[in-house]
Amino acid sequence: MTVYGYVASKEALDVLVIDRILSGVQIPSADVGPWDERLRLLLIDARRVLVEQPNLGDGHPAVGGGAIELLHRGAFGPEASRLVTAVNDLLREGGFGDAHLDACFGALFIYVTGYAEQPATSDIFEIGLTALIQGLKPLAIPQ
């Protein structure tokens, strides 16, 4: 029996696969530090998890492609939603209002997924991530 006897469609399978991968991303608790440090740690862990799964389909896009490809195609299930909520909660904690929330999330998502596809070292990624988070701070509402 094929996998489609258990899953309704390829899209549903993509959601299950990406959710399984993203379940490994840890969300730092409030006692770890301020919102920006927790955001940085969450996104570093997200990149780590995505880098560990560079090619889900053994190079055959019809079989699955890469984790990043699935995310960009919208394979969002409960685990992806958990991480989106966590990032948005941290941004709100940092003072970002609704007017800038989507743009800030989008910039961070593109940065993390872009670097997950690149052979850059973790050090380069982390330096850029820190700079990106610092660069977004002026968009926050002063508290």
C-alpha atoms as a PDB file:
ATOM      1  CA  MET A   1       0.000   0.000   0.000  1.00  0.00           C
ATOM      2  CA  THR A   2       1.303   3.444  -0.821  1.00  0.00           C
ATOM      3  CA  VAL A   3       1.762   6.216   1.695  1.00  0.00           C
ATOM      4  CA  TYR A   4      -1.356   7.862   0.266  1.00  0.00           C
ATOM      5  CA  GLY A   5      -3.396   5.123   1.890  1.00  0.00           C
ATOM      6  CA  TYR A   6      -2.443   6.780   5.171  1.00  0.00           C
ATOM      7  CA  VAL A   7      -2.219  10.435   4.148  1.00  0.00           C
ATOM      8  CA  ALA A   8      -4.802  12.276   2.056  1.00  0.00           C
ATOM      9  CA  SER A   9      -2.413  14.040  -0.347  1.00  0.00           C
ATOM     10  CA  LYS A  10       1.163  15.036  -1.077  1.00  0.00           C
ATOM     11  CA  GLU A  11       0.486  18.402   0.555  1.00  0.00           C
ATOM     12  CA  ALA A  12      -0.689  16.669   3.739  1.00  0.00           C
ATOM     13  CA  LEU A  13       2.430  14.483   3.664  1.00  0.00           C
ATOM     14  CA  ASP A  14       4.601  17.591   3.264  1.00  0.00           C
ATOM     15  CA  VAL A  15       2.994  19.115   6.372  1.00  0.00           C
ATOM     16  CA  LEU A  16       3.653  15.932   8.378  1.00  0.00           C
ATOM     17  CA  VAL A  17       7.274  15.793   7.246  1.00  0.00           C
ATOM     18  CA  ILE A  18       8.014  19.444   8.001  1.00  0.00           C
ATOM     19  CA  ASP A  19       6.220  19.193  11.347  1.00  0.00           C
ATOM     20  CA  ARG A  20       8.364  16.200  12.298  1.00  0.00           C
ATOM     21  CA  ILE A  21      11.506  18.158  11.439  1.00  0.00           C
ATOM     22  CA  LEU A  22      10.420  21.343  13.218  1.00  0.00           C
ATOM     23  CA  SER A  23       9.452  19.456  16.369  1.00  0.00           C
ATOM     24  CA  GLY A  24      13.165  19.431  17.180  1.00  0.00           C
ATOM     25  CA  VAL A  25      13.360  23.227  17.490  1.00  0.00           C
ATOM     26  CA  GLN A  26      13.538  24.343  21.102  1.00  0.00           C
ATOM     27  CA  ILE A  27      11.849  27.534  22.308  1.00  0.00           C
ATOM     28  CA  PRO A  28      13.950  29.100  25.080  1.00  0.00           C
ATOM     29  CA  SER A  29      12.107  29.791  28.324  1.00  0.00           C
ATOM     30  CA  ALA A  30      11.819  33.272  29.836  1.00  0.00           C
ATOM     31  CA  ASP A  31      14.531  32.549  32.403  1.00  0.00           C
ATOM     32  CA  VAL A  32      17.136  32.230  29.628  1.00  0.00           C
ATOM     33  CA  GLY A  33      17.343  35.980  29.099  1.00  0.00           C
ATOM     34  CA  PRO A  34      15.721  38.973  27.432  1.00  0.00           C
ATOM     35  CA  TRP A  35      13.417  38.611  24.444  1.00  0.00           C
ATOM     36  CA  ASP A  36      16.124  39.339  21.847  1.00  0.00           C
ATOM     37  CA  GLU A  37      18.492  36.683  23.226  1.00  0.00           C
ATOM     38  CA  ARG A  38      15.694  34.096  23.304  1.00  0.00           C
ATOM     39  CA  LEU A  39      14.718  35.029  19.733  1.00  0.00           C
ATOM     40  CA  ARG A  40      18.327  34.648  18.618  1.00  0.00           C
ATOM     41  CA  LEU A  41      18.625  31.232  20.295  1.00  0.00           C
ATOM     42  CA  LEU A  42      15.324  30.026  18.836  1.00  0.00           C
ATOM     43  CA  LEU A  43      16.366  31.018  15.302  1.00  0.00           C
ATOM     44  CA  ILE A  44      19.836  29.495  15.680  1.00  0.00           C
ATOM     45  CA  ASP A  45      18.185  26.235  16.698  1.00  0.00           C
ATOM     46  CA  ALA A  46      15.718  26.455  13.792  1.00  0.00           C
ATOM     47  CA  ARG A  47      18.598  26.810  11.340  1.00  0.00           C
ATOM     48  CA  ARG A  48      20.403  23.879  12.980  1.00  0.00           C
ATOM     49  CA  VAL A  49      17.353  21.655  12.572  1.00  0.00           C
ATOM     50  CA  LEU A  50      16.870  22.703   8.934  1.00  0.00           C
ATOM     51  CA  VAL A  51      20.549  22.202   8.094  1.00  0.00           C
ATOM     52  CA  GLU A  52      20.350  18.670   9.495  1.00  0.00           C
ATOM     53  CA  GLN A  53      17.649  17.899   6.894  1.00  0.00           C
ATOM     54  CA  PRO A  54      19.005  19.463   3.699  1.00  0.00           C
ATOM     55  CA  ASN A  55      17.466  16.998   1.277  1.00  0.00           C
ATOM     56  CA  LEU A  56      14.409  15.046   2.255  1.00  0.00           C
ATOM     57  CA  GLY A  57      13.922  13.282  -1.040  1.00  0.00           C
ATOM     58  CA  ASP A  58      17.396  12.036  -1.930  1.00  0.00           C
ATOM     59  CA  GLY A  59      17.703  14.758  -4.559  1.00  0.00           C
ATOM     60  CA  HIS A  60      14.384  13.968  -6.191  1.00  0.00           C
ATOM     61  CA  PRO A  61      12.074  16.986  -5.893  1.00  0.00           C
ATOM     62  CA  ALA A  62       9.029  14.857  -6.698  1.00  0.00           C
ATOM     63  CA  VAL A  63       9.747  12.756  -3.620  1.00  0.00           C
ATOM     64  CA  GLY A  64       9.952  15.661  -1.212  1.00  0.00           C
ATOM     65  CA  GLY A  65      12.677  18.133  -2.028  1.00  0.00           C
ATOM     66  CA  GLY A  66      14.316  19.954   0.825  1.00  0.00           C
ATOM     67  CA  ALA A  67      12.860  21.171   4.089  1.00  0.00           C
ATOM     68  CA  ILE A  68      13.283  24.779   2.964  1.00  0.00           C
ATOM     69  CA  GLU A  69      11.391  24.093  -0.261  1.00  0.00           C
ATOM     70  CA  LEU A  70       8.520  22.612   1.730  1.00  0.00           C
ATOM     71  CA  LEU A  71       8.395  25.639   4.037  1.00  0.00           C
ATOM     72  CA  HIS A  72       8.391  28.042   1.103  1.00  0.00           C
ATOM     73  CA  ARG A  73       5.550  26.037  -0.468  1.00  0.00           C
ATOM     74  CA  GLY A  74       3.517  26.578   2.697  1.00  0.00           C
ATOM     75  CA  ALA A  75       3.820  23.210   4.436  1.00  0.00           C
ATOM     76  CA  PHE A  76       2.745  24.666   7.779  1.00  0.00           C
ATOM     77  CA  GLY A  77       1.190  22.450  10.409  1.00  0.00           C
ATOM     78  CA  PRO A  78       1.020  22.553  14.208  1.00  0.00           C
ATOM     79  CA  GLU A  79       4.814  22.602  14.742  1.00  0.00           C
ATOM     80  CA  ALA A  80       5.385  25.382  12.219  1.00  0.00           C
ATOM     81  CA  SER A  81       2.527  27.302  13.834  1.00  0.00           C
ATOM     82  CA  ARG A  82       4.114  26.761  17.265  1.00  0.00           C
ATOM     83  CA  LEU A  83       7.334  28.376  16.036  1.00  0.00           C
ATOM     84  CA  VAL A  84       5.575  31.233  14.222  1.00  0.00           C
ATOM     85  CA  THR A  85       3.665  31.982  17.420  1.00  0.00           C
ATOM     86  CA  ALA A  86       6.850  31.857  19.501  1.00  0.00           C
ATOM     87  CA  VAL A  87       8.705  34.251  17.183  1.00  0.00           C
ATOM     88  CA  ASN A  88       5.755  36.645  17.072  1.00  0.00           C
ATOM     89  CA  ASP A  89       5.346  36.479  20.871  1.00  0.00           C
ATOM     90  CA  LEU A  90       9.015  37.350  21.321  1.00  0.00           C
ATOM     91  CA  LEU A  91       8.738  40.226  18.850  1.00  0.00           C
ATOM     92  CA  ARG A  92       5.677  41.528  20.696  1.00  0.00           C
ATOM     93  CA  GLU A  93       7.574  41.237  23.960  1.00  0.00           C
ATOM     94  CA  GLY A  94      10.259  43.394  22.345  1.00  0.00           C
ATOM     95  CA  GLY A  95       7.694  46.077  21.599  1.00  0.00           C
ATOM     96  CA  PHE A  96       6.845  45.328  17.990  1.00  0.00           C
ATOM     97  CA  GLY A  97       3.284  46.232  17.119  1.00  0.00           C
ATOM     98  CA  ASP A  98       1.006  44.784  14.478  1.00  0.00           C
ATOM     99  CA  ALA A  99       2.173  47.370  11.939  1.00  0.00           C
ATOM    100  CA  HIS A 100       5.681  45.847  11.819  1.00  0.00           C
ATOM    101  CA  LEU A 101       5.159  42.298  13.038  1.00  0.00           C
ATOM    102  CA  ASP A 102       4.676  40.654   9.636  1.00  0.00           C
ATOM    103  CA  ALA A 103       7.606  42.482   8.059  1.00  0.00           C
ATOM    104  CA  CYS A 104       9.929  41.603  10.940  1.00  0.00           C
ATOM    105  CA  PHE A 105       8.829  37.967  10.927  1.00  0.00           C
ATOM    106  CA  GLY A 106       9.288  37.838   7.147  1.00  0.00           C
ATOM    107  CA  ALA A 107      12.809  39.258   7.325  1.00  0.00           C
ATOM    108  CA  LEU A 108      13.796  36.736   9.999  1.00  0.00           C
ATOM    109  CA  PHE A 109      12.172  33.812   8.133  1.00  0.00           C
ATOM    110  CA  ILE A 110      13.931  34.678   4.882  1.00  0.00           C
ATOM    111  CA  TYR A 111      17.260  35.094   6.662  1.00  0.00           C
ATOM    112  CA  VAL A 112      17.036  31.768   8.524  1.00  0.00           C
ATOM    113  CA  THR A 113      15.799  29.734   5.567  1.00  0.00           C
ATOM    114  CA  GLY A 114      18.270  31.412   3.221  1.00  0.00           C
ATOM    115  CA  TYR A 115      21.189  30.529   5.457  1.00  0.00           C
ATOM    116  CA  ALA A 116      19.886  26.997   5.953  1.00  0.00           C
ATOM    117  CA  GLU A 117      20.475  26.464   2.225  1.00  0.00           C
ATOM    118  CA  GLN A 118      23.963  28.004   2.245  1.00  0.00           C
ATOM    119  CA  PRO A 119      27.178  26.307   3.304  1.00  0.00           C
ATOM    120  CA  ALA A 120      28.030  29.251   5.588  1.00  0.00           C
ATOM    121  CA  THR A 121      29.469  28.555   8.976  1.00  0.00           C
ATOM    122  CA  SER A 122      27.357  28.968  12.077  1.00  0.00           C
ATOM    123  CA  ASP A 123      29.558  31.889  13.173  1.00  0.00           C
ATOM    124  CA  ILE A 124      28.738  33.912  10.053  1.00  0.00           C
ATOM    125  CA  PHE A 125      25.040  33.107  10.406  1.00  0.00           C
ATOM    126  CA  GLU A 126      24.999  34.129  14.073  1.00  0.00           C
ATOM    127  CA  ILE A 127      26.808  37.426  13.450  1.00  0.00           C
ATOM    128  CA  GLY A 128      24.327  38.321  10.719  1.00  0.00           C
ATOM    129  CA  LEU A 129      21.354  37.218  12.809  1.00  0.00           C
ATOM    130  CA  THR A 130      22.458  39.384  15.720  1.00  0.00           C
ATOM    131  CA  ALA A 131      22.882  42.352  13.360  1.00  0.00           C
ATOM    132  CA  LEU A 132      19.450  41.727  11.815  1.00  0.00           C
ATOM    133  CA  ILE A 133      17.722  41.605  15.197  1.00  0.00           C
ATOM    134  CA  GLN A 134      19.521  44.778  16.297  1.00  0.00           C
ATOM    135  CA  GLY A 135      18.571  46.444  13.008  1.00  0.00           C
ATOM    136  CA  LEU A 136      14.895  45.640  13.531  1.00  0.00           C
ATOM    137  CA  LYS A 137      14.778  47.161  17.018  1.00  0.00           C
ATOM    138  CA  PRO A 138      14.151  50.756  15.856  1.00  0.00           C
ATOM    139  CA  LEU A 139      10.779  49.554  14.489  1.00  0.00           C
ATOM    140  CA  ALA A 140       9.641  48.591  17.996  1.00  0.00           C
ATOM    141  CA  ILE A 141       7.328  50.843  19.982  1.00  0.00           C
ATOM    142  CA  PRO A 142       9.270  52.298  22.934  1.00  0.00           C
ATOM    143  CA  GLN A 143       8.142  50.709  26.185  1.00  0.00           C
END
